[in-house]
Amino acid sequence: MSEGNVAAEQLRLLIERVERLEEEKKGIADDIADVYLEAKANGYDTKIMREVIRLRKLPQHDRQEMSAILETYLSALGME
């Protein structure tokens, strides 16, 4: 097999892997959307759930710092 054929085959395999992963990603995204629909049907606020999930990804120190800054800003604007 020539070097060009080997490179073409490797490229084809890589593209097919990416395509399979994209399909899996779409499936997972659909599953996540279903969970949010279920949560909404049970009366939960999905916008707040998304925010909680985003915050849970942050280290505790970063969450505390954000909370302190938010409190400072709200206080400065007379919103507390």
PDB file of N, CA and C in Angstrom:
ATOM      1  N   MET A   1       0.856  -1.179   0.000  1.00  0.00           N
ATOM      2  CA  MET A   1       0.000   0.000   0.000  1.00  0.00           C
ATOM      3  C   MET A   1       0.899   1.239   0.000  1.00  0.00           C
ATOM      4  N   SER A   2       0.588   2.174  -0.839  1.00  0.00           N
ATOM      5  CA  SER A   2       1.435   3.358  -0.924  1.00  0.00           C
ATOM      6  C   SER A   2       1.182   4.277   0.256  1.00  0.00           C
ATOM      7  N   GLU A   3       2.132   5.168   0.473  1.00  0.00           N
ATOM      8  CA  GLU A   3       2.037   6.105   1.599  1.00  0.00           C
ATOM      9  C   GLU A   3       0.785   6.972   1.491  1.00  0.00           C
ATOM     10  N   GLY A   4       0.440   7.373   0.268  1.00  0.00           N
ATOM     11  CA  GLY A   4      -0.759   8.184   0.049  1.00  0.00           C
ATOM     12  C   GLY A   4      -2.026   7.432   0.427  1.00  0.00           C
ATOM     13  N   ASN A   5      -2.077   6.130   0.119  1.00  0.00           N
ATOM     14  CA  ASN A   5      -3.241   5.317   0.470  1.00  0.00           C
ATOM     15  C   ASN A   5      -3.356   5.135   1.977  1.00  0.00           C
ATOM     16  N   VAL A   6      -2.210   4.976   2.644  1.00  0.00           N
ATOM     17  CA  VAL A   6      -2.192   4.827   4.100  1.00  0.00           C
ATOM     18  C   VAL A   6      -2.711   6.108   4.746  1.00  0.00           C
ATOM     19  N   ALA A   7      -2.249   7.243   4.275  1.00  0.00           N
ATOM     20  CA  ALA A   7      -2.694   8.526   4.833  1.00  0.00           C
ATOM     21  C   ALA A   7      -4.177   8.738   4.572  1.00  0.00           C
ATOM     22  N   ALA A   8      -4.647   8.378   3.393  1.00  0.00           N
ATOM     23  CA  ALA A   8      -6.069   8.533   3.061  1.00  0.00           C
ATOM     24  C   ALA A   8      -6.921   7.632   3.948  1.00  0.00           C
ATOM     25  N   GLU A   9      -6.461   6.408   4.175  1.00  0.00           N
ATOM     26  CA  GLU A   9      -7.193   5.471   5.035  1.00  0.00           C
ATOM     27  C   GLU A   9      -7.224   5.979   6.475  1.00  0.00           C
ATOM     28  N   GLN A  10      -6.093   6.484   6.945  1.00  0.00           N
ATOM     29  CA  GLN A  10      -6.036   7.023   8.310  1.00  0.00           C
ATOM     30  C   GLN A  10      -6.989   8.210   8.447  1.00  0.00           C
ATOM     31  N   LEU A  11      -7.003   9.084   7.456  1.00  0.00           N
ATOM     32  CA  LEU A  11      -7.904  10.231   7.468  1.00  0.00           C
ATOM     33  C   LEU A  11      -9.359   9.781   7.479  1.00  0.00           C
ATOM     34  N   ARG A  12      -9.697   8.802   6.654  1.00  0.00           N
ATOM     35  CA  ARG A  12     -11.064   8.286   6.614  1.00  0.00           C
ATOM     36  C   ARG A  12     -11.480   7.732   7.972  1.00  0.00           C
ATOM     37  N   LEU A  13     -10.585   6.965   8.609  1.00  0.00           N
ATOM     38  CA  LEU A  13     -10.883   6.385   9.919  1.00  0.00           C
ATOM     39  C   LEU A  13     -11.077   7.473  10.977  1.00  0.00           C
ATOM     40  N   LEU A  14     -10.250   8.502  10.930  1.00  0.00           N
ATOM     41  CA  LEU A  14     -10.387   9.594  11.890  1.00  0.00           C
ATOM     42  C   LEU A  14     -11.719  10.320  11.702  1.00  0.00           C
ATOM     43  N   ILE A  15     -12.070  10.566  10.460  1.00  0.00           N
ATOM     44  CA  ILE A  15     -13.339  11.252  10.174  1.00  0.00           C
ATOM     45  C   ILE A  15     -14.513  10.400  10.635  1.00  0.00           C
ATOM     46  N   GLU A  16     -14.465   9.106  10.392  1.00  0.00           N
ATOM     47  CA  GLU A  16     -15.539   8.223  10.833  1.00  0.00           C
ATOM     48  C   GLU A  16     -15.651   8.186  12.344  1.00  0.00           C
ATOM     49  N   ARG A  17     -14.521   8.223  13.044  1.00  0.00           N
ATOM     50  CA  ARG A  17     -14.553   8.283  14.517  1.00  0.00           C
ATOM     51  C   ARG A  17     -15.227   9.551  14.992  1.00  0.00           C
ATOM     52  N   VAL A  18     -14.861  10.676  14.380  1.00  0.00           N
ATOM     53  CA  VAL A  18     -15.476  11.945  14.760  1.00  0.00           C
ATOM     54  C   VAL A  18     -16.975  11.898  14.493  1.00  0.00           C
ATOM     55  N   GLU A  19     -17.369  11.346  13.371  1.00  0.00           N
ATOM     56  CA  GLU A  19     -18.798  11.248  13.038  1.00  0.00           C
ATOM     57  C   GLU A  19     -19.547  10.411  14.068  1.00  0.00           C
ATOM     58  N   ARG A  20     -18.963   9.292  14.481  1.00  0.00           N
ATOM     59  CA  ARG A  20     -19.601   8.456  15.507  1.00  0.00           C
ATOM     60  C   ARG A  20     -19.715   9.205  16.828  1.00  0.00           C
ATOM     61  N   LEU A  21     -18.657   9.908  17.202  1.00  0.00           N
ATOM     62  CA  LEU A  21     -18.682  10.674  18.452  1.00  0.00           C
ATOM     63  C   LEU A  21     -19.715  11.792  18.394  1.00  0.00           C
ATOM     64  N   GLU A  22     -19.838  12.441  17.231  1.00  0.00           N
ATOM     65  CA  GLU A  22     -20.856  13.485  17.071  1.00  0.00           C
ATOM     66  C   GLU A  22     -22.256  12.900  17.248  1.00  0.00           C
ATOM     67  N   GLU A  23     -22.485  11.702  16.729  1.00  0.00           N
ATOM     68  CA  GLU A  23     -23.772  11.033  16.907  1.00  0.00           C
ATOM     69  C   GLU A  23     -24.033  10.749  18.379  1.00  0.00           C
ATOM     70  N   GLU A  24     -23.005  10.258  19.081  1.00  0.00           N
ATOM     71  CA  GLU A  24     -23.129   9.992  20.518  1.00  0.00           C
ATOM     72  C   GLU A  24     -23.417  11.280  21.278  1.00  0.00           C
ATOM     73  N   LYS A  25     -22.713  12.359  20.897  1.00  0.00           N
ATOM     74  CA  LYS A  25     -22.902  13.646  21.552  1.00  0.00           C
ATOM     75  C   LYS A  25     -24.342  14.126  21.386  1.00  0.00           C
ATOM     76  N   LYS A  26     -24.881  13.960  20.183  1.00  0.00           N
ATOM     77  CA  LYS A  26     -26.266  14.368  19.937  1.00  0.00           C
ATOM     78  C   LYS A  26     -27.213  13.533  20.786  1.00  0.00           C
ATOM     79  N   GLY A  27     -26.939  12.248  20.888  1.00  0.00           N
ATOM     80  CA  GLY A  27     -27.764  11.369  21.720  1.00  0.00           C
ATOM     81  C   GLY A  27     -27.747  11.799  23.177  1.00  0.00           C
ATOM     82  N   ILE A  28     -26.577  12.153  23.673  1.00  0.00           N
ATOM     83  CA  ILE A  28     -26.448  12.595  25.063  1.00  0.00           C
ATOM     84  C   ILE A  28     -27.162  13.935  25.249  1.00  0.00           C
ATOM     85  N   ALA A  29     -27.015  14.838  24.289  1.00  0.00           N
ATOM     86  CA  ALA A  29     -27.702  16.132  24.371  1.00  0.00           C
ATOM     87  C   ALA A  29     -29.213  15.926  24.390  1.00  0.00           C
ATOM     88  N   ASP A  30     -29.707  14.983  23.592  1.00  0.00           N
ATOM     89  CA  ASP A  30     -31.133  14.669  23.599  1.00  0.00           C
ATOM     90  C   ASP A  30     -31.570  14.121  24.957  1.00  0.00           C
ATOM     91  N   ASP A  31     -30.729  13.267  25.552  1.00  0.00           N
ATOM     92  CA  ASP A  31     -31.037  12.706  26.874  1.00  0.00           C
ATOM     93  C   ASP A  31     -31.094  13.809  27.931  1.00  0.00           C
ATOM     94  N   ILE A  32     -30.155  14.742  27.867  1.00  0.00           N
ATOM     95  CA  ILE A  32     -30.136  15.862  28.815  1.00  0.00           C
ATOM     96  C   ILE A  32     -31.393  16.707  28.648  1.00  0.00           C
ATOM     97  N   ALA A  33     -31.771  16.973  27.404  1.00  0.00           N
ATOM     98  CA  ALA A  33     -32.990  17.745  27.145  1.00  0.00           C
ATOM     99  C   ALA A  33     -34.206  17.029  27.723  1.00  0.00           C
ATOM    100  N   ASP A  34     -34.249  15.715  27.608  1.00  0.00           N
ATOM    101  CA  ASP A  34     -35.355  14.939  28.181  1.00  0.00           C
ATOM    102  C   ASP A  34     -35.413  15.080  29.700  1.00  0.00           C
ATOM    103  N   VAL A  35     -34.254  15.090  30.347  1.00  0.00           N
ATOM    104  CA  VAL A  35     -34.217  15.251  31.802  1.00  0.00           C
ATOM    105  C   VAL A  35     -34.751  16.627  32.193  1.00  0.00           C
ATOM    106  N   TYR A  36     -34.362  17.663  31.447  1.00  0.00           N
ATOM    107  CA  TYR A  36     -34.872  18.999  31.734  1.00  0.00           C
ATOM    108  C   TYR A  36     -36.384  19.072  31.503  1.00  0.00           C
ATOM    109  N   LEU A  37     -36.895  18.405  30.467  1.00  0.00           N
ATOM    110  CA  LEU A  37     -38.343  18.373  30.238  1.00  0.00           C
ATOM    111  C   LEU A  37     -39.064  17.682  31.393  1.00  0.00           C
ATOM    112  N   GLU A  38     -38.480  16.602  31.876  1.00  0.00           N
ATOM    113  CA  GLU A  38     -39.053  15.889  33.022  1.00  0.00           C
ATOM    114  C   GLU A  38     -39.059  16.780  34.256  1.00  0.00           C
ATOM    115  N   ALA A  39     -37.951  17.484  34.480  1.00  0.00           N
ATOM    116  CA  ALA A  39     -37.864  18.388  35.628  1.00  0.00           C
ATOM    117  C   ALA A  39     -38.924  19.487  35.523  1.00  0.00           C
ATOM    118  N   LYS A  40     -39.064  20.053  34.329  1.00  0.00           N
ATOM    119  CA  LYS A  40     -40.060  21.106  34.116  1.00  0.00           C
ATOM    120  C   LYS A  40     -41.467  20.584  34.356  1.00  0.00           C
ATOM    121  N   ALA A  41     -41.741  19.363  33.887  1.00  0.00           N
ATOM    122  CA  ALA A  41     -43.054  18.759  34.093  1.00  0.00           C
ATOM    123  C   ALA A  41     -43.346  18.535  35.569  1.00  0.00           C
ATOM    124  N   ASN A  42     -42.296  18.392  36.364  1.00  0.00           N
ATOM    125  CA  ASN A  42     -42.447  18.200  37.811  1.00  0.00           C
ATOM    126  C   ASN A  42     -42.403  19.512  38.583  1.00  0.00           C
ATOM    127  N   GLY A  43     -42.395  20.632  37.850  1.00  0.00           N
ATOM    128  CA  GLY A  43     -42.495  21.930  38.499  1.00  0.00           C
ATOM    129  C   GLY A  43     -41.175  22.603  38.838  1.00  0.00           C
ATOM    130  N   TYR A  44     -40.075  22.059  38.400  1.00  0.00           N
ATOM    131  CA  TYR A  44     -38.780  22.675  38.686  1.00  0.00           C
ATOM    132  C   TYR A  44     -38.461  23.753  37.652  1.00  0.00           C
ATOM    133  N   ASP A  45     -37.729  24.761  38.075  1.00  0.00           N
ATOM    134  CA  ASP A  45     -37.297  25.843  37.189  1.00  0.00           C
ATOM    135  C   ASP A  45     -35.995  25.399  36.524  1.00  0.00           C
ATOM    136  N   THR A  46     -36.069  25.090  35.242  1.00  0.00           N
ATOM    137  CA  THR A  46     -34.901  24.537  34.565  1.00  0.00           C
ATOM    138  C   THR A  46     -33.803  25.569  34.357  1.00  0.00           C
ATOM    139  N   LYS A  47     -34.169  26.830  34.283  1.00  0.00           N
ATOM    140  CA  LYS A  47     -33.148  27.872  34.164  1.00  0.00           C
ATOM    141  C   LYS A  47     -32.287  27.902  35.428  1.00  0.00           C
ATOM    142  N   ILE A  48     -32.931  27.787  36.569  1.00  0.00           N
ATOM    143  CA  ILE A  48     -32.193  27.757  37.838  1.00  0.00           C
ATOM    144  C   ILE A  48     -31.389  26.466  37.951  1.00  0.00           C
ATOM    145  N   MET A  49     -31.954  25.361  37.502  1.00  0.00           N
ATOM    146  CA  MET A  49     -31.208  24.095  37.532  1.00  0.00           C
ATOM    147  C   MET A  49     -29.924  24.199  36.721  1.00  0.00           C
ATOM    148  N   ARG A  50     -30.010  24.814  35.539  1.00  0.00           N
ATOM    149  CA  ARG A  50     -28.815  24.979  34.707  1.00  0.00           C
ATOM    150  C   ARG A  50     -27.764  25.832  35.424  1.00  0.00           C
ATOM    151  N   GLU A  51     -28.232  26.864  36.122  1.00  0.00           N
ATOM    152  CA  GLU A  51     -27.306  27.727  36.866  1.00  0.00           C
ATOM    153  C   GLU A  51     -26.655  26.955  38.009  1.00  0.00           C
ATOM    154  N   VAL A  52     -27.433  26.145  38.717  1.00  0.00           N
ATOM    155  CA  VAL A  52     -26.887  25.330  39.806  1.00  0.00           C
ATOM    156  C   VAL A  52     -25.823  24.374  39.256  1.00  0.00           C
ATOM    157  N   ILE A  53     -26.115  23.750  38.129  1.00  0.00           N
ATOM    158  CA  ILE A  53     -25.149  22.825  37.522  1.00  0.00           C
ATOM    159  C   ILE A  53     -23.877  23.565  37.129  1.00  0.00           C
ATOM    160  N   ARG A  54     -24.037  24.768  36.557  1.00  0.00           N
ATOM    161  CA  ARG A  54     -22.866  25.576  36.191  1.00  0.00           C
ATOM    162  C   ARG A  54     -22.034  25.909  37.431  1.00  0.00           C
ATOM    163  N   LEU A  55     -22.717  26.291  38.523  1.00  0.00           N
ATOM    164  CA  LEU A  55     -22.007  26.662  39.745  1.00  0.00           C
ATOM    165  C   LEU A  55     -21.325  25.456  40.394  1.00  0.00           C
ATOM    166  N   ARG A  56     -21.959  24.301  40.312  1.00  0.00           N
ATOM    167  CA  ARG A  56     -21.363  23.102  40.921  1.00  0.00           C
ATOM    168  C   ARG A  56     -20.053  22.701  40.249  1.00  0.00           C
ATOM    169  N   LYS A  57     -19.857  23.131  39.010  1.00  0.00           N
ATOM    170  CA  LYS A  57     -18.612  22.827  38.298  1.00  0.00           C
ATOM    171  C   LYS A  57     -17.448  23.675  38.803  1.00  0.00           C
ATOM    172  N   LEU A  58     -17.767  24.784  39.456  1.00  0.00           N
ATOM    173  CA  LEU A  58     -16.726  25.702  39.925  1.00  0.00           C
ATOM    174  C   LEU A  58     -16.165  25.241  41.264  1.00  0.00           C
ATOM    175  N   PRO A  59     -14.909  25.511  41.521  1.00  0.00           N
ATOM    176  CA  PRO A  59     -14.359  25.238  42.851  1.00  0.00           C
ATOM    177  C   PRO A  59     -15.073  26.103  43.905  1.00  0.00           C
ATOM    178  N   GLN A  60     -15.154  25.586  45.116  1.00  0.00           N
ATOM    179  CA  GLN A  60     -15.865  26.292  46.188  1.00  0.00           C
ATOM    180  C   GLN A  60     -15.336  27.707  46.372  1.00  0.00           C
ATOM    181  N   HIS A  61     -14.045  27.888  46.314  1.00  0.00           N
ATOM    182  CA  HIS A  61     -13.458  29.216  46.501  1.00  0.00           C
ATOM    183  C   HIS A  61     -13.974  30.193  45.442  1.00  0.00           C
ATOM    184  N   ASP A  62     -14.051  29.744  44.201  1.00  0.00           N
ATOM    185  CA  ASP A  62     -14.555  30.607  43.123  1.00  0.00           C
ATOM    186  C   ASP A  62     -16.023  30.963  43.339  1.00  0.00           C
ATOM    187  N   ARG A  63     -16.817  29.970  43.803  1.00  0.00           N
ATOM    188  CA  ARG A  63     -18.236  30.250  44.084  1.00  0.00           C
ATOM    189  C   ARG A  63     -18.366  31.279  45.199  1.00  0.00           C
ATOM    190  N   GLN A  64     -17.556  31.132  46.252  1.00  0.00           N
ATOM    191  CA  GLN A  64     -17.617  32.068  47.370  1.00  0.00           C
ATOM    192  C   GLN A  64     -17.224  33.469  46.925  1.00  0.00           C
ATOM    193  N   GLU A  65     -16.195  33.568  46.104  1.00  0.00           N
ATOM    194  CA  GLU A  65     -15.744  34.858  45.607  1.00  0.00           C
ATOM    195  C   GLU A  65     -16.825  35.509  44.740  1.00  0.00           C
ATOM    196  N   MET A  66     -17.439  34.728  43.862  1.00  0.00           N
ATOM    197  CA  MET A  66     -18.516  35.262  43.025  1.00  0.00           C
ATOM    198  C   MET A  66     -19.682  35.744  43.881  1.00  0.00           C
ATOM    199  N   SER A  67     -20.020  34.974  44.895  1.00  0.00           N
ATOM    200  CA  SER A  67     -21.128  35.337  45.776  1.00  0.00           C
ATOM    201  C   SER A  67     -20.833  36.643  46.508  1.00  0.00           C
ATOM    202  N   ALA A  68     -19.609  36.800  46.995  1.00  0.00           N
ATOM    203  CA  ALA A  68     -19.230  38.017  47.700  1.00  0.00           C
ATOM    204  C   ALA A  68     -19.280  39.232  46.780  1.00  0.00           C
ATOM    205  N   ILE A  69     -18.806  39.070  45.562  1.00  0.00           N
ATOM    206  CA  ILE A  69     -18.829  40.173  44.595  1.00  0.00           C
ATOM    207  C   ILE A  69     -20.275  40.525  44.240  1.00  0.00           C
ATOM    208  N   LEU A  70     -21.098  39.500  44.030  1.00  0.00           N
ATOM    209  CA  LEU A  70     -22.502  39.736  43.715  1.00  0.00           C
ATOM    210  C   LEU A  70     -23.188  40.501  44.842  1.00  0.00           C
ATOM    211  N   GLU A  71     -22.954  40.095  46.082  1.00  0.00           N
ATOM    212  CA  GLU A  71     -23.532  40.799  47.227  1.00  0.00           C
ATOM    213  C   GLU A  71     -23.069  42.250  47.267  1.00  0.00           C
ATOM    214  N   THR A  72     -21.794  42.478  46.983  1.00  0.00           N
ATOM    215  CA  THR A  72     -21.257  43.843  46.968  1.00  0.00           C
ATOM    216  C   THR A  72     -21.961  44.682  45.901  1.00  0.00           C
ATOM    217  N   TYR A  73     -22.093  44.134  44.719  1.00  0.00           N
ATOM    218  CA  TYR A  73     -22.752  44.859  43.626  1.00  0.00           C
ATOM    219  C   TYR A  73     -24.225  45.141  43.942  1.00  0.00           C
ATOM    220  N   LEU A  74     -24.924  44.133  44.449  1.00  0.00           N
ATOM    221  CA  LEU A  74     -26.334  44.327  44.781  1.00  0.00           C
ATOM    222  C   LEU A  74     -26.493  45.387  45.874  1.00  0.00           C
ATOM    223  N   SER A  75     -25.617  45.351  46.855  1.00  0.00           N
ATOM    224  CA  SER A  75     -25.661  46.341  47.936  1.00  0.00           C
ATOM    225  C   SER A  75     -25.396  47.737  47.380  1.00  0.00           C
ATOM    226  N   ALA A  76     -24.420  47.868  46.523  1.00  0.00           N
ATOM    227  CA  ALA A  76     -24.090  49.160  45.925  1.00  0.00           C
ATOM    228  C   ALA A  76     -25.253  49.725  45.115  1.00  0.00           C
ATOM    229  N   LEU A  77     -26.070  48.827  44.568  1.00  0.00           N
ATOM    230  CA  LEU A  77     -27.219  49.262  43.769  1.00  0.00           C
ATOM    231  C   LEU A  77     -28.502  49.369  44.591  1.00  0.00           C
ATOM    232  N   GLY A  78     -28.380  49.133  45.914  1.00  0.00           N
ATOM    233  CA  GLY A  78     -29.541  49.217  46.787  1.00  0.00           C
ATOM    234  C   GLY A  78     -30.546  48.112  46.566  1.00  0.00           C
ATOM    235  N   MET A  79     -30.076  46.966  46.151  1.00  0.00           N
ATOM    236  CA  MET A  79     -30.970  45.850  45.839  1.00  0.00           C
ATOM    237  C   MET A  79     -31.025  44.813  46.949  1.00  0.00           C
ATOM    238  N   GLU A  80     -30.381  45.079  48.085  1.00  0.00           N
ATOM    239  CA  GLU A  80     -30.411  44.122  49.188  1.00  0.00           C
ATOM    240  C   GLU A  80     -31.179  44.690  50.348  1.00  0.00           C
TER     241      GLU A  80
END
